[in-house]
Protein backbone atom coordinates (compact mmCIF):
# COMPACT_ATOMS: atom_id res chain seq x y z
CA UNK A 1 76.54 39.07 57.03
CA UNK A 2 79.95 40.64 57.53
CA UNK A 3 81.67 40.42 60.89
CA UNK A 4 81.51 43.51 63.11
CA UNK A 5 84.51 45.83 62.79
CA UNK A 6 87.08 45.58 65.60
CA UNK A 7 87.43 49.35 65.49
CA UNK A 8 85.27 51.73 67.49
CA UNK A 9 85.20 55.50 67.26
CA UNK A 10 86.25 57.07 70.56
CA UNK A 11 83.51 58.84 72.43
CA UNK A 12 84.14 62.37 73.67
CA UNK A 13 81.02 62.35 75.83
CA UNK A 14 81.96 61.74 79.48
CA UNK A 15 78.71 60.03 80.37
CA UNK A 16 78.96 57.74 77.34
CA UNK A 17 82.49 56.71 78.33
CA UNK A 18 81.38 56.01 81.88
CA UNK A 19 78.45 53.90 80.75
CA UNK A 20 80.82 51.77 78.69
CA UNK A 21 83.48 51.51 81.43
CA UNK A 22 84.59 48.12 82.66
CA UNK A 23 83.33 46.93 86.07
CA UNK A 24 87.01 46.35 86.93
CA UNK A 25 87.44 50.13 86.90
CA UNK A 26 84.11 51.10 88.44
CA UNK A 27 84.60 48.69 91.34
CA UNK A 28 87.88 50.41 92.29
CA UNK A 29 87.37 52.35 95.53
CA UNK A 30 89.03 55.38 97.08
CA UNK A 31 90.09 53.12 99.94
CA UNK A 32 91.95 50.83 97.52
CA UNK A 33 93.62 53.85 95.89
CA UNK A 34 94.67 55.16 99.29
CA UNK A 35 96.24 51.79 100.04
CA UNK A 36 98.08 51.84 96.71
CA UNK A 37 99.45 55.33 97.43
CA UNK A 38 100.54 54.26 100.91
CA UNK A 39 102.39 51.23 99.54
CA UNK A 40 104.09 53.46 96.97
CA UNK A 41 105.18 55.82 99.76
CA UNK A 42 106.26 53.20 102.32
CA UNK A 43 107.60 50.49 100.02
CA UNK A 44 105.95 47.35 101.43
CA UNK A 45 102.54 45.99 102.32
CA UNK A 46 103.67 45.53 105.92
CA UNK A 47 104.80 49.17 106.24
CA UNK A 48 101.59 50.33 104.59
CA UNK A 49 99.52 48.23 106.99
CA UNK A 50 101.28 49.83 109.96
CA UNK A 51 100.70 53.31 108.52
CA UNK A 52 97.02 52.61 107.88
CA UNK A 53 96.47 50.79 111.17
CA UNK A 54 95.35 47.58 109.46
CA UNK A 55 96.34 43.94 109.24
CA UNK A 56 98.85 43.13 106.52
CA UNK A 57 96.46 40.54 105.12
CA UNK A 58 93.82 43.26 104.55
CA UNK A 59 96.31 45.41 102.65
CA UNK A 60 97.56 42.46 100.60
CA UNK A 61 93.98 41.52 99.69
CA UNK A 62 93.40 45.01 98.30
CA UNK A 63 96.65 44.87 96.32
CA UNK A 64 95.70 41.49 94.86
CA UNK A 65 92.32 42.90 93.79
CA UNK A 66 93.96 45.93 92.18
CA UNK A 67 96.49 43.72 90.39
CA UNK A 68 93.72 41.51 89.02
CA UNK A 69 91.51 44.39 87.89
CA UNK A 70 94.27 46.41 86.25
CA UNK A 71 95.73 43.35 84.57
CA UNK A 72 92.32 43.07 82.91
CA UNK A 73 92.17 46.80 82.14
CA UNK A 74 95.75 47.52 81.06
CA UNK A 75 97.39 44.19 80.34
CA UNK A 76 99.78 44.07 83.31
CA UNK A 77 99.54 44.16 87.12
CA UNK A 78 100.40 47.27 89.11
CA UNK A 79 103.15 45.74 91.22
CA UNK A 80 105.11 42.57 92.02
CA UNK A 81 106.18 41.23 95.39
CA UNK A 82 109.94 40.63 95.63
CA UNK A 83 110.22 38.56 98.77
CA UNK A 84 110.23 39.07 102.50
CA UNK A 85 111.66 42.38 103.66
CA UNK A 86 112.08 43.80 100.15
CA UNK A 87 110.14 46.70 98.63
CA UNK A 88 107.47 45.83 96.08
CA UNK A 89 108.34 46.49 92.44
CA UNK A 90 105.94 48.80 90.64
CA UNK A 91 105.38 48.27 86.93
CA UNK A 92 105.15 51.21 84.53
CA UNK A 93 101.38 50.88 84.74
CA UNK A 94 101.56 50.77 88.52
CA UNK A 95 103.58 53.97 88.72
CA UNK A 96 101.19 55.73 86.34
CA UNK A 97 98.11 54.57 88.26
CA UNK A 98 99.64 55.50 91.64
CA UNK A 99 100.42 59.00 90.34
CA UNK A 100 96.89 59.34 88.98
CA UNK A 101 95.51 58.14 92.32
CA UNK A 102 97.45 60.89 94.12
CA UNK A 103 96.03 63.53 91.79
CA UNK A 104 92.50 62.14 92.02
CA UNK A 105 92.35 61.95 95.82
CA UNK A 106 94.08 65.33 96.20
CA UNK A 107 91.54 66.97 93.88
CA UNK A 108 88.64 65.39 95.78
CA UNK A 109 90.02 66.51 99.14
CA UNK A 110 90.64 70.03 97.82
CA UNK A 111 87.15 70.22 96.34
CA UNK A 112 85.52 69.05 99.56
CA UNK A 113 87.60 71.54 101.56
CA UNK A 114 86.63 74.37 99.19
CA UNK A 115 82.93 73.45 99.41
CA UNK A 116 83.11 73.39 103.21
CA UNK A 117 84.95 76.72 103.18
CA UNK A 118 82.36 78.37 100.92
CA UNK A 119 79.54 77.12 103.13
CA UNK A 120 81.35 78.15 106.31
CA UNK A 121 82.20 74.66 107.48
CA UNK A 122 85.93 75.20 107.72
CA UNK A 123 88.33 78.12 108.09
CA UNK A 124 92.12 78.14 107.74
CA UNK A 125 94.13 80.90 109.38
CA UNK A 126 97.80 81.65 108.85
CA UNK A 127 99.77 83.25 111.67
CA UNK A 128 103.30 84.37 112.29
CA UNK A 129 104.93 83.46 115.56
CA UNK A 130 104.38 86.80 117.28
CA UNK A 131 100.65 87.02 116.44
CA UNK A 132 99.70 83.69 117.99
CA UNK A 133 98.72 85.32 121.28
CA UNK A 134 96.16 87.61 119.66
CA UNK A 135 94.89 84.76 117.48
CA UNK A 136 94.46 82.55 120.55
CA UNK A 137 92.47 85.32 122.26
CA UNK A 138 90.23 85.66 119.20
CA UNK A 139 89.82 81.89 119.08
CA UNK A 140 88.52 81.94 122.63
CA UNK A 141 85.93 84.56 121.66
CA UNK A 142 84.45 82.41 118.87
CA UNK A 143 85.14 78.95 120.31
CA UNK A 144 81.67 78.28 121.70
CA UNK A 145 79.89 79.40 118.53
CA UNK A 146 82.26 77.44 116.29
CA UNK A 147 81.75 74.28 118.37
CA UNK A 148 77.98 74.66 118.28
CA UNK A 149 78.05 74.96 114.48
CA UNK A 150 80.71 72.28 114.02
CA UNK A 151 83.05 74.75 112.28
CA UNK A 152 86.55 73.41 111.75
CA UNK A 153 89.24 76.03 112.55
CA UNK A 154 92.73 75.24 111.28
CA UNK A 155 95.86 77.24 112.14
CA UNK A 156 99.05 77.06 110.09
CA UNK A 157 102.40 78.77 110.52
CA UNK A 158 103.17 81.38 107.86
CA UNK A 159 106.52 83.11 107.47
CA UNK A 160 106.37 86.89 107.24
CA UNK A 161 107.98 86.92 103.79
CA UNK A 162 105.22 84.61 102.45
CA UNK A 163 102.30 86.30 104.20
CA UNK A 164 100.41 87.90 101.31
CA UNK A 165 101.47 85.30 98.73
CA UNK A 166 100.01 82.45 100.82
CA UNK A 167 96.78 84.40 101.23
CA UNK A 168 96.36 85.18 97.52
CA UNK A 169 97.20 81.58 96.61
CA UNK A 170 94.22 80.55 98.80
CA UNK A 171 96.41 78.42 101.05
CA UNK A 172 94.72 80.27 103.93
CA UNK A 173 91.50 82.27 104.34
CA UNK A 174 93.12 85.05 106.34
CA UNK A 175 96.52 85.78 107.86
CA UNK A 176 97.77 87.51 110.99
CA UNK A 177 101.19 89.10 110.69
CA UNK A 178 103.15 92.11 109.50
CA UNK A 179 104.15 93.73 106.23
CA UNK A 180 106.28 96.74 105.35
CA UNK A 181 104.15 99.61 104.05
CA UNK A 182 105.91 99.46 100.68
CA UNK A 183 104.06 96.19 100.00
CA UNK A 184 101.21 96.31 97.50
CA UNK A 185 98.01 95.84 99.53
CA UNK A 186 95.45 96.66 96.82
CA UNK A 187 94.40 93.01 96.63
CA UNK A 188 93.66 92.56 100.35
CA UNK A 189 91.40 93.87 103.10
CA UNK A 190 93.39 95.09 106.10
CA UNK A 191 92.49 95.10 109.78
CA UNK A 192 95.24 97.27 111.21
CA UNK A 193 96.45 96.54 114.74
CA UNK A 194 99.41 98.87 114.89
CA UNK A 195 102.23 100.53 112.96
CA UNK A 196 105.81 100.77 114.09
CA UNK A 197 109.38 101.04 112.89
CA UNK A 198 112.59 99.21 113.70
CA UNK A 199 114.89 99.27 116.69
CA UNK A 200 118.41 98.17 117.53
CA UNK A 201 119.61 95.66 120.11
CA UNK A 202 123.35 95.76 120.74
CA UNK A 203 126.22 94.52 122.91
CA UNK A 204 128.30 97.61 122.10
CA UNK A 205 128.96 100.57 124.41
CA UNK A 206 128.10 103.09 121.72
CA UNK A 207 125.83 104.81 120.98
CA UNK A 208 125.46 105.90 124.58
CA UNK A 209 122.33 105.13 126.62
CA UNK A 210 119.47 107.45 125.70
CA UNK A 211 120.87 108.23 122.28
CA UNK A 212 119.19 107.18 119.08
CA UNK A 213 120.51 106.34 115.64
CA UNK A 214 119.24 107.69 112.33
CA UNK A 215 118.69 105.26 109.47
CA UNK A 216 121.16 107.28 107.39
CA UNK A 217 123.84 106.33 109.96
CA UNK A 218 123.35 102.55 109.57
CA UNK A 219 126.19 102.21 107.00
CA UNK A 220 128.61 103.31 109.76
CA UNK A 221 127.59 100.52 112.18
CA UNK A 222 128.47 96.80 112.27
CA UNK A 223 125.08 95.24 111.62
CA UNK A 224 123.48 91.91 112.45
CA UNK A 225 120.52 91.32 110.12
CA UNK A 226 118.17 88.43 109.29
CA UNK A 227 118.72 86.52 106.06
CA UNK A 228 115.11 87.23 105.00
CA UNK A 229 111.85 88.78 106.12
CA UNK A 230 110.57 92.27 106.87
CA UNK A 231 113.92 93.62 108.12
CA UNK A 232 115.32 92.99 104.65
CA UNK A 233 112.32 94.79 103.13
CA UNK A 234 113.28 97.84 105.19
CA UNK A 235 116.90 97.55 104.05
CA UNK A 236 115.87 97.36 100.41
CA UNK A 237 113.51 100.31 100.82
CA UNK A 238 116.22 102.45 102.40
CA UNK A 239 119.38 101.39 100.56
CA UNK A 240 118.23 99.57 97.43
CA UNK A 241 118.41 95.94 96.33
CA UNK A 242 122.23 95.95 96.70
CA UNK A 243 122.06 97.01 100.36
CA UNK A 244 124.48 94.23 101.34
CA UNK A 245 127.22 96.01 99.40
CA UNK A 246 126.38 99.37 101.00
CA UNK A 247 126.20 98.22 104.62
CA UNK A 248 128.71 96.69 107.03
CA UNK A 249 126.93 93.40 107.75
CA UNK A 250 128.99 91.36 110.23
CA UNK A 251 126.46 88.52 110.58
CA UNK A 252 123.31 87.21 108.95
CA UNK A 253 120.95 85.23 111.18
CA UNK A 254 117.95 82.98 110.59
CA UNK A 255 116.08 83.95 113.77
CA UNK A 256 115.99 86.68 116.40
CA UNK A 257 116.70 84.05 119.07
CA UNK A 258 119.99 83.12 117.42
CA UNK A 259 120.88 86.79 117.00
CA UNK A 260 120.39 87.47 120.71
CA UNK A 261 122.50 84.45 121.62
CA UNK A 262 125.21 85.52 119.17
CA UNK A 263 125.43 89.00 120.71
CA UNK A 264 125.37 87.66 124.26
CA UNK A 265 128.20 85.25 123.47
CA UNK A 266 130.50 88.14 122.63
CA UNK A 267 131.77 86.39 119.51
CA UNK A 268 130.95 89.54 117.58
CA UNK A 269 130.27 93.14 118.48
CA UNK A 270 127.37 94.55 116.54
CA UNK A 271 123.95 96.16 116.26
CA UNK A 272 121.06 93.83 115.54
CA UNK A 273 118.09 95.27 113.69
CA UNK A 274 114.76 94.13 115.16
CA UNK A 275 111.14 95.20 115.01
CA UNK A 276 110.28 98.03 117.37
CA UNK A 277 108.05 95.78 119.46
CA UNK A 278 110.82 93.22 119.91
CA UNK A 279 113.27 95.97 120.78
CA UNK A 280 110.92 97.40 123.40
CA UNK A 281 110.39 93.95 124.92
CA UNK A 282 114.17 93.48 125.14
CA UNK A 283 114.67 96.94 126.65
CA UNK A 284 112.04 96.26 129.32
CA UNK A 285 113.68 92.92 130.21
CA UNK A 286 110.64 90.96 129.01
CA UNK A 287 112.85 88.77 126.81
CA UNK A 288 115.15 86.45 128.72
CA UNK A 289 117.06 85.68 125.52
CA UNK A 290 118.07 89.36 125.25
CA UNK A 291 119.08 89.90 128.88
CA UNK A 292 122.28 91.93 129.21
CA UNK A 293 121.85 93.62 125.83
CA UNK A 294 121.00 97.28 125.23
CA UNK A 295 118.18 98.71 123.12
CA UNK A 296 118.65 101.80 120.95
CA UNK A 297 115.99 103.77 119.14
CA UNK A 298 116.13 104.04 115.36
CA UNK A 299 114.87 107.26 113.75
CA UNK A 300 113.83 107.02 110.10
CA UNK A 301 115.28 110.03 108.27
CA UNK A 302 115.23 108.52 104.76
CA UNK A 303 112.42 108.95 102.25
CA UNK A 304 110.09 107.25 101.69
CA UNK A 305 109.21 106.75 105.32
CA UNK A 306 108.72 103.06 106.03
CA UNK A 307 106.57 101.44 108.70
CA UNK A 308 105.77 97.93 109.81
CA UNK A 309 102.03 97.35 109.60
CA UNK A 310 100.86 94.63 111.98
CA UNK A 311 97.37 93.27 111.57
CA UNK A 312 95.02 90.87 109.83
CA UNK A 313 94.66 90.41 106.08
CA UNK A 314 91.94 88.81 103.95
CA UNK A 315 91.39 88.65 100.21
CA UNK A 316 89.84 91.88 98.90
CA UNK A 317 86.02 91.79 98.87
CA UNK A 318 85.68 88.21 100.11
CA UNK A 319 84.31 89.11 103.54
CA UNK A 320 81.65 91.41 102.06
CA UNK A 321 80.41 88.55 99.85
CA UNK A 322 79.50 86.54 102.96
CA UNK A 323 76.84 87.23 105.62
CA UNK A 324 77.91 88.54 109.02
CA UNK A 325 77.37 85.04 110.44
CA UNK A 326 80.01 83.48 108.16
CA UNK A 327 83.01 82.16 110.14
CA UNK A 328 85.39 84.47 108.24
CA UNK A 329 83.50 87.55 109.45
CA UNK A 330 83.03 86.17 112.96
CA UNK A 331 86.75 85.56 113.35
CA UNK A 332 87.64 88.90 111.74
CA UNK A 333 85.50 90.74 114.32
CA UNK A 334 87.01 88.66 117.12
CA UNK A 335 90.51 89.50 115.89
CA UNK A 336 89.60 93.17 115.97
CA UNK A 337 88.64 92.82 119.63
CA UNK A 338 91.79 90.81 120.34
CA UNK A 339 93.95 93.48 118.72
CA UNK A 340 92.33 96.25 120.74
CA UNK A 341 92.84 94.24 123.93
CA UNK A 342 96.53 93.75 123.13
CA UNK A 343 96.98 97.49 122.59
CA UNK A 344 95.47 98.16 126.02
CA UNK A 345 97.78 95.58 127.54
CA UNK A 346 100.81 97.15 125.85
CA UNK A 347 99.89 100.57 127.22
CA UNK A 348 99.84 99.43 130.84
């Protein structure tokens, strides 16, 4: 009888491959892979043990087991110790396995999160800084029901310029914030809280108190503008993508807080473009950072007319695919109440 051939045809059936897998692979646990990733991130078993809240001996035991198993599977260990106080040295196999471990655990975590989200077990909300108050009010309205149903509510900060992109990428389930009405909103459901324009906060003596400025007059003023965000969307809508060449911009800022401080310092004399709500708060002395500065109205006389739409946004049609009791719909309704309450408060 001839000896069996050393060659085997590869199997493309997943179950068949799993049934023939080595125990050295099947005995590898998620916990061991997490330890391997932590060592790769921190450099040493001691640092990994501190990160994981374990004894170093426990971490080293897992590494020894992984080294033994993958030496059997691949022909070399995953890593080598290099002496006290020195980072471990990963082999080529070790680097490949650590990278695969990251992908594997990330995919599992994402899948579990998505399953919980579909079943209403978790909800992730994005919010800009100035919508946190309304979101907190809405959170209070659903808190008891969410606790009773063990619904996990996560809140993440979202920059205005990334608002719709983060929503459509499914980084969040809904977002609270503002967009300029030129933005394409066909792909989202909108719960509108309010619409407004822009205003001006200045340390200059002109225009005189009570006067307003038309948007067509902005090229004649020394302007302080943000480096990104909705203000820039207004500028592009009014003056085109090359608005920086058409306007007298004396300073670009990364936050309204810095802009207020810059004007109050007197280092420059200029007119800072802000949202209408922020301008009104400054004019009514509700913003300590803007004390001593003047607020001027801005009248939009350029077509197309632009507005800032403030509200809540969800992916188009997603809410209607869930029952009214789904956390997304519960929070949406609570945010509607919170928005109405904030309008009443603003009118007082």
